[in-house]
PDB file of all heavy atoms in Angstrom:
ATOM      1  N   ASN A   1      12.725  -6.738  14.572  1.00  0.00           N
ATOM      2  CA  ASN A   1      12.383  -7.278  13.272  1.00  0.00           C
ATOM      3  C   ASN A   1      10.971  -6.853  12.907  1.00  0.00           C
ATOM      4  O   ASN A   1       9.999  -7.324  13.509  1.00  0.00           O
ATOM      5  CB  ASN A   1      12.505  -8.809  13.278  1.00  0.00           C
ATOM      6  CG  ASN A   1      12.414  -9.398  11.887  1.00  0.00           C
ATOM      7  OD1 ASN A   1      11.991  -8.727  10.946  1.00  0.00           O
ATOM      8  ND2 ASN A   1      12.800 -10.649  11.755  1.00  0.00           N
ATOM      9  N   VAL A   2      10.854  -5.950  11.954  1.00  0.00           N
ATOM     10  CA  VAL A   2       9.541  -5.426  11.560  1.00  0.00           C
ATOM     11  C   VAL A   2       8.614  -6.560  11.142  1.00  0.00           C
ATOM     12  O   VAL A   2       7.420  -6.561  11.475  1.00  0.00           O
ATOM     13  CB  VAL A   2       9.697  -4.398  10.422  1.00  0.00           C
ATOM     14  CG1 VAL A   2       8.327  -3.952   9.910  1.00  0.00           C
ATOM     15  CG2 VAL A   2      10.497  -3.183  10.889  1.00  0.00           C
ATOM     16  N   GLU A   3       9.133  -7.534  10.437  1.00  0.00           N
ATOM     17  CA  GLU A   3       8.310  -8.628   9.921  1.00  0.00           C
ATOM     18  C   GLU A   3       7.670  -9.450  11.043  1.00  0.00           C
ATOM     19  O   GLU A   3       6.613 -10.056  10.850  1.00  0.00           O
ATOM     20  CB  GLU A   3       9.156  -9.526   9.025  1.00  0.00           C
ATOM     21  CG  GLU A   3       8.350 -10.531   8.215  1.00  0.00           C
ATOM     22  CD  GLU A   3       9.186 -11.246   7.185  1.00  0.00           C
ATOM     23  OE1 GLU A   3      10.414 -10.979   7.114  1.00  0.00           O
ATOM     24  OE2 GLU A   3       8.626 -12.067   6.444  1.00  0.00           O
ATOM     25  N   ASP A   4       8.297  -9.461  12.216  1.00  0.00           N
ATOM     26  CA  ASP A   4       7.730 -10.207  13.342  1.00  0.00           C
ATOM     27  C   ASP A   4       6.515  -9.514  13.934  1.00  0.00           C
ATOM     28  O   ASP A   4       5.693 -10.159  14.608  1.00  0.00           O
ATOM     29  CB  ASP A   4       8.781 -10.386  14.447  1.00  0.00           C
ATOM     30  CG  ASP A   4       9.903 -11.320  14.032  1.00  0.00           C
ATOM     31  OD1 ASP A   4       9.716 -12.093  13.080  1.00  0.00           O
ATOM     32  OD2 ASP A   4      10.984 -11.250  14.669  1.00  0.00           O
ATOM     33  N   HIS A   5       6.403  -8.220  13.713  1.00  0.00           N
ATOM     34  CA  HIS A   5       5.357  -7.448  14.378  1.00  0.00           C
ATOM     35  C   HIS A   5       4.335  -6.821  13.424  1.00  0.00           C
ATOM     36  O   HIS A   5       3.284  -6.354  13.870  1.00  0.00           O
ATOM     37  CB  HIS A   5       6.001  -6.335  15.211  1.00  0.00           C
ATOM     38  CG  HIS A   5       6.949  -6.839  16.260  1.00  0.00           C
ATOM     39  ND1 HIS A   5       6.543  -7.265  17.493  1.00  0.00           N
ATOM     40  CD2 HIS A   5       8.303  -7.001  16.228  1.00  0.00           C
ATOM     41  CE1 HIS A   5       7.599  -7.648  18.206  1.00  0.00           C
ATOM     42  NE2 HIS A   5       8.679  -7.503  17.451  1.00  0.00           N
ATOM     43  N   TYR A   6       4.660  -6.794  12.147  1.00  0.00           N
ATOM     44  CA  TYR A   6       3.790  -6.124  11.179  1.00  0.00           C
ATOM     45  C   TYR A   6       3.531  -7.024   9.970  1.00  0.00           C
ATOM     46  O   TYR A   6       4.376  -7.844   9.590  1.00  0.00           O
ATOM     47  CB  TYR A   6       4.435  -4.821  10.675  1.00  0.00           C
ATOM     48  CG  TYR A   6       4.375  -3.666  11.659  1.00  0.00           C
ATOM     49  CD1 TYR A   6       5.325  -3.543  12.674  1.00  0.00           C
ATOM     50  CD2 TYR A   6       3.375  -2.703  11.561  1.00  0.00           C
ATOM     51  CE1 TYR A   6       5.279  -2.486  13.564  1.00  0.00           C
ATOM     52  CE2 TYR A   6       3.323  -1.633  12.448  1.00  0.00           C
ATOM     53  CZ  TYR A   6       4.274  -1.530  13.449  1.00  0.00           C
ATOM     54  OH  TYR A   6       4.216  -0.480  14.335  1.00  0.00           O
ATOM     55  N   THR A   7       2.369  -6.856   9.373  1.00  0.00           N
ATOM     56  CA  THR A   7       2.094  -7.422   8.057  1.00  0.00           C
ATOM     57  C   THR A   7       2.279  -6.320   7.023  1.00  0.00           C
ATOM     58  O   THR A   7       2.211  -5.126   7.346  1.00  0.00           O
ATOM     59  CB  THR A   7       0.659  -7.964   7.959  1.00  0.00           C
ATOM     60  OG1 THR A   7      -0.273  -6.880   8.155  1.00  0.00           O
ATOM     61  CG2 THR A   7       0.409  -9.038   9.009  1.00  0.00           C
ATOM     62  N   LYS A   8       2.512  -6.716   5.780  1.00  0.00           N
ATOM     63  CA  LYS A   8       2.719  -5.738   4.715  1.00  0.00           C
ATOM     64  C   LYS A   8       1.743  -5.986   3.576  1.00  0.00           C
ATOM     65  O   LYS A   8       1.547  -7.116   3.137  1.00  0.00           O
ATOM     66  CB  LYS A   8       4.154  -5.810   4.186  1.00  0.00           C
ATOM     67  CG  LYS A   8       4.466  -4.801   3.078  1.00  0.00           C
ATOM     68  CD  LYS A   8       5.871  -4.974   2.540  1.00  0.00           C
ATOM     69  CE  LYS A   8       6.146  -4.008   1.391  1.00  0.00           C
ATOM     70  NZ  LYS A   8       7.490  -4.213   0.802  1.00  0.00           N
ATOM     71  N   GLN A   9       1.152  -4.913   3.088  1.00  0.00           N
ATOM     72  CA  GLN A   9       0.215  -4.979   1.978  1.00  0.00           C
ATOM     73  C   GLN A   9       0.574  -3.900   0.960  1.00  0.00           C
ATOM     74  O   GLN A   9       0.923  -2.773   1.332  1.00  0.00           O
ATOM     75  CB  GLN A   9      -1.218  -4.748   2.493  1.00  0.00           C
ATOM     76  CG  GLN A   9      -2.300  -4.740   1.428  1.00  0.00           C
ATOM     77  CD  GLN A   9      -3.661  -4.353   1.993  1.00  0.00           C
ATOM     78  OE1 GLN A   9      -3.767  -3.885   3.138  1.00  0.00           O
ATOM     79  NE2 GLN A   9      -4.704  -4.537   1.198  1.00  0.00           N
ATOM     80  N   GLU A  10       0.525  -4.231  -0.314  1.00  0.00           N
ATOM     81  CA  GLU A  10       0.754  -3.265  -1.384  1.00  0.00           C
ATOM     82  C   GLU A  10      -0.508  -3.139  -2.219  1.00  0.00           C
ATOM     83  O   GLU A  10      -1.083  -4.143  -2.654  1.00  0.00           O
ATOM     84  CB  GLU A  10       1.929  -3.690  -2.271  1.00  0.00           C
ATOM     85  CG  GLU A  10       3.263  -3.653  -1.562  1.00  0.00           C
ATOM     86  CD  GLU A  10       4.435  -3.993  -2.465  1.00  0.00           C
ATOM     87  OE1 GLU A  10       4.225  -4.697  -3.475  1.00  0.00           O
ATOM     88  OE2 GLU A  10       5.558  -3.540  -2.178  1.00  0.00           O
ATOM     89  N   VAL A  11      -0.943  -1.896  -2.428  1.00  0.00           N
ATOM     90  CA  VAL A  11      -2.166  -1.651  -3.195  1.00  0.00           C
ATOM     91  C   VAL A  11      -1.933  -0.498  -4.163  1.00  0.00           C
ATOM     92  O   VAL A  11      -1.032   0.320  -3.982  1.00  0.00           O
ATOM     93  CB  VAL A  11      -3.366  -1.312  -2.270  1.00  0.00           C
ATOM     94  CG1 VAL A  11      -3.695  -2.479  -1.364  1.00  0.00           C
ATOM     95  CG2 VAL A  11      -3.067  -0.062  -1.435  1.00  0.00           C
ATOM     96  N   MET A  12      -2.735  -0.449  -5.193  1.00  0.00           N
ATOM     97  CA  MET A  12      -2.771   0.689  -6.116  1.00  0.00           C
ATOM     98  C   MET A  12      -4.075   1.426  -5.856  1.00  0.00           C
ATOM     99  O   MET A  12      -5.168   0.893  -6.117  1.00  0.00           O
ATOM    100  CB  MET A  12      -2.690   0.214  -7.559  1.00  0.00           C
ATOM    101  CG  MET A  12      -1.390  -0.478  -7.933  1.00  0.00           C
ATOM    102  SD  MET A  12       0.067   0.613  -7.898  1.00  0.00           S
ATOM    103  CE  MET A  12      -0.170   1.548  -9.420  1.00  0.00           C
ATOM    104  N   ILE A  13      -3.976   2.628  -5.309  1.00  0.00           N
ATOM    105  CA  ILE A  13      -5.165   3.406  -4.960  1.00  0.00           C
ATOM    106  C   ILE A  13      -5.509   4.334  -6.113  1.00  0.00           C
ATOM    107  O   ILE A  13      -4.657   5.084  -6.603  1.00  0.00           O
ATOM    108  CB  ILE A  13      -4.937   4.200  -3.663  1.00  0.00           C
ATOM    109  CG1 ILE A  13      -4.638   3.241  -2.500  1.00  0.00           C
ATOM    110  CG2 ILE A  13      -6.156   5.068  -3.343  1.00  0.00           C
ATOM    111  CD1 ILE A  13      -4.363   3.932  -1.179  1.00  0.00           C
ATOM    112  N   THR A  14      -6.757   4.298  -6.545  1.00  0.00           N
ATOM    113  CA  THR A  14      -7.205   5.078  -7.695  1.00  0.00           C
ATOM    114  C   THR A  14      -7.564   6.501  -7.285  1.00  0.00           C
ATOM    115  O   THR A  14      -8.362   6.707  -6.357  1.00  0.00           O
ATOM    116  CB  THR A  14      -8.423   4.407  -8.365  1.00  0.00           C
ATOM    117  OG1 THR A  14      -8.068   3.068  -8.729  1.00  0.00           O
ATOM    118  CG2 THR A  14      -8.845   5.168  -9.610  1.00  0.00           C
ATOM    119  N   MET A  15      -6.989   7.473  -7.969  1.00  0.00           N
ATOM    120  CA  MET A  15      -7.297   8.879  -7.731  1.00  0.00           C
ATOM    121  C   MET A  15      -8.533   9.284  -8.541  1.00  0.00           C
ATOM    122  O   MET A  15      -9.028   8.552  -9.394  1.00  0.00           O
ATOM    123  CB  MET A  15      -6.104   9.749  -8.126  1.00  0.00           C
ATOM    124  CG  MET A  15      -4.814   9.422  -7.380  1.00  0.00           C
ATOM    125  SD  MET A  15      -4.865   9.757  -5.596  1.00  0.00           S
ATOM    126  CE  MET A  15      -5.091   8.096  -4.917  1.00  0.00           C
ATOM    127  N   ARG A  16      -9.034  10.467  -8.305  1.00  0.00           N
ATOM    128  CA  ARG A  16     -10.285  10.922  -8.919  1.00  0.00           C
ATOM    129  C   ARG A  16     -10.228  11.001 -10.439  1.00  0.00           C
ATOM    130  O   ARG A  16     -11.264  10.946 -11.096  1.00  0.00           O
ATOM    131  CB  ARG A  16     -10.683  12.279  -8.340  1.00  0.00           C
ATOM    132  CG  ARG A  16      -9.697  13.411  -8.588  1.00  0.00           C
ATOM    133  CD  ARG A  16     -10.055  14.634  -7.759  1.00  0.00           C
ATOM    134  NE  ARG A  16     -10.041  14.333  -6.323  1.00  0.00           N
ATOM    135  CZ  ARG A  16     -10.403  15.195  -5.378  1.00  0.00           C
ATOM    136  NH1 ARG A  16     -10.812  16.404  -5.717  1.00  0.00           N
ATOM    137  NH2 ARG A  16     -10.367  14.849  -4.109  1.00  0.00           N
ATOM    138  N   ASP A  17      -9.019  11.109 -10.991  1.00  0.00           N
ATOM    139  CA  ASP A  17      -8.896  11.167 -12.453  1.00  0.00           C
ATOM    140  C   ASP A  17      -8.539   9.807 -13.050  1.00  0.00           C
ATOM    141  O   ASP A  17      -8.243   9.706 -14.242  1.00  0.00           O
ATOM    142  CB  ASP A  17      -7.852  12.196 -12.865  1.00  0.00           C
ATOM    143  CG  ASP A  17      -6.451  11.849 -12.376  1.00  0.00           C
ATOM    144  OD1 ASP A  17      -6.347  11.124 -11.371  1.00  0.00           O
ATOM    145  OD2 ASP A  17      -5.471  12.292 -12.999  1.00  0.00           O
ATOM    146  N   GLY A  18      -8.547   8.768 -12.222  1.00  0.00           N
ATOM    147  CA  GLY A  18      -8.296   7.427 -12.720  1.00  0.00           C
ATOM    148  C   GLY A  18      -6.867   6.944 -12.576  1.00  0.00           C
ATOM    149  O   GLY A  18      -6.579   5.765 -12.773  1.00  0.00           O
ATOM    150  N   ILE A  19      -5.931   7.833 -12.248  1.00  0.00           N
ATOM    151  CA  ILE A  19      -4.531   7.454 -12.063  1.00  0.00           C
ATOM    152  C   ILE A  19      -4.401   6.654 -10.759  1.00  0.00           C
ATOM    153  O   ILE A  19      -5.005   6.992  -9.742  1.00  0.00           O
ATOM    154  CB  ILE A  19      -3.623   8.701 -12.040  1.00  0.00           C
ATOM    155  CG1 ILE A  19      -3.599   9.340 -13.424  1.00  0.00           C
ATOM    156  CG2 ILE A  19      -2.216   8.348 -11.590  1.00  0.00           C
ATOM    157  CD1 ILE A  19      -2.980   8.466 -14.508  1.00  0.00           C
ATOM    158  N   LYS A  20      -3.541   5.610 -10.795  1.00  0.00           N
ATOM    159  CA  LYS A  20      -3.368   4.753  -9.630  1.00  0.00           C
ATOM    160  C   LYS A  20      -1.985   4.973  -9.008  1.00  0.00           C
ATOM    161  O   LYS A  20      -0.983   5.011  -9.715  1.00  0.00           O
ATOM    162  CB  LYS A  20      -3.534   3.287 -10.032  1.00  0.00           C
ATOM    163  CG  LYS A  20      -4.933   2.965 -10.549  1.00  0.00           C
ATOM    164  CD  LYS A  20      -5.049   1.509 -10.976  1.00  0.00           C
ATOM    165  CE  LYS A  20      -6.454   1.212 -11.492  1.00  0.00           C
ATOM    166  NZ  LYS A  20      -6.597  -0.197 -11.934  1.00  0.00           N
ATOM    167  N   LEU A  21      -1.967   5.103  -7.682  1.00  0.00           N
ATOM    168  CA  LEU A  21      -0.731   5.369  -6.951  1.00  0.00           C
ATOM    169  C   LEU A  21      -0.363   4.181  -6.075  1.00  0.00           C
ATOM    170  O   LEU A  21      -1.186   3.675  -5.303  1.00  0.00           O
ATOM    171  CB  LEU A  21      -0.876   6.631  -6.081  1.00  0.00           C
ATOM    172  CG  LEU A  21      -1.314   7.916  -6.784  1.00  0.00           C
ATOM    173  CD1 LEU A  21      -1.260   9.086  -5.802  1.00  0.00           C
ATOM    174  CD2 LEU A  21      -0.471   8.196  -8.017  1.00  0.00           C
ATOM    175  N   HIS A  22       0.908   3.764  -6.202  1.00  0.00           N
ATOM    176  CA  HIS A  22       1.401   2.655  -5.394  1.00  0.00           C
ATOM    177  C   HIS A  22       1.446   3.061  -3.922  1.00  0.00           C
ATOM    178  O   HIS A  22       2.017   4.092  -3.553  1.00  0.00           O
ATOM    179  CB  HIS A  22       2.807   2.245  -5.845  1.00  0.00           C
ATOM    180  CG  HIS A  22       3.411   1.179  -4.973  1.00  0.00           C
ATOM    181  ND1 HIS A  22       3.412  -0.146  -5.315  1.00  0.00           N
ATOM    182  CD2 HIS A  22       4.013   1.251  -3.758  1.00  0.00           C
ATOM    183  CE1 HIS A  22       3.988  -0.849  -4.365  1.00  0.00           C
ATOM    184  NE2 HIS A  22       4.367  -0.015  -3.405  1.00  0.00           N
ATOM    185  N   THR A  23       0.861   2.204  -3.078  1.00  0.00           N
ATOM    186  CA  THR A  23       0.797   2.478  -1.644  1.00  0.00           C
ATOM    187  C   THR A  23       1.167   1.219  -0.874  1.00  0.00           C
ATOM    188  O   THR A  23       0.642   0.139  -1.149  1.00  0.00           O
ATOM    189  CB  THR A  23      -0.617   2.938  -1.244  1.00  0.00           C
ATOM    190  OG1 THR A  23      -1.026   4.019  -2.102  1.00  0.00           O
ATOM    191  CG2 THR A  23      -0.656   3.394   0.195  1.00  0.00           C
ATOM    192  N   THR A  24       2.069   1.368   0.076  1.00  0.00           N
ATOM    193  CA  THR A  24       2.504   0.263   0.927  1.00  0.00           C
ATOM    194  C   THR A  24       1.973   0.487   2.332  1.00  0.00           C
ATOM    195  O   THR A  24       2.121   1.580   2.885  1.00  0.00           O
ATOM    196  CB  THR A  24       4.036   0.155   0.958  1.00  0.00           C
ATOM    197  OG1 THR A  24       4.523  -0.076  -0.370  1.00  0.00           O
ATOM    198  CG2 THR A  24       4.485  -0.981   1.854  1.00  0.00           C
ATOM    199  N   ILE A  25       1.374  -0.558   2.902  1.00  0.00           N
ATOM    200  CA  ILE A  25       0.737  -0.445   4.214  1.00  0.00           C
ATOM    201  C   ILE A  25       1.322  -1.491   5.154  1.00  0.00           C
ATOM    202  O   ILE A  25       1.270  -2.695   4.871  1.00  0.00           O
ATOM    203  CB  ILE A  25      -0.791  -0.644   4.107  1.00  0.00           C
ATOM    204  CG1 ILE A  25      -1.385   0.348   3.099  1.00  0.00           C
ATOM    205  CG2 ILE A  25      -1.454  -0.497   5.468  1.00  0.00           C
ATOM    206  CD1 ILE A  25      -2.773  -0.018   2.630  1.00  0.00           C
ATOM    207  N   TYR A  26       1.897  -1.035   6.258  1.00  0.00           N
ATOM    208  CA  TYR A  26       2.379  -1.927   7.312  1.00  0.00           C
ATOM    209  C   TYR A  26       1.394  -1.855   8.479  1.00  0.00           C
ATOM    210  O   TYR A  26       1.187  -0.781   9.060  1.00  0.00           O
ATOM    211  CB  TYR A  26       3.760  -1.507   7.798  1.00  0.00           C
ATOM    212  CG  TYR A  26       4.866  -1.657   6.779  1.00  0.00           C
ATOM    213  CD1 TYR A  26       5.168  -0.628   5.880  1.00  0.00           C
ATOM    214  CD2 TYR A  26       5.628  -2.823   6.719  1.00  0.00           C
ATOM    215  CE1 TYR A  26       6.195  -0.769   4.952  1.00  0.00           C
ATOM    216  CE2 TYR A  26       6.660  -2.975   5.801  1.00  0.00           C
ATOM    217  CZ  TYR A  26       6.933  -1.943   4.917  1.00  0.00           C
ATOM    218  OH  TYR A  26       7.947  -2.079   4.005  1.00  0.00           O
TER     219      TYR A  26
END
């Protein structure tokens, strides 16, 4: 069970031109 061993975070990372990319981090 991934949830038992990992936390999950979702962020929007800003690129150099201002565009934001969805990023999921376990």
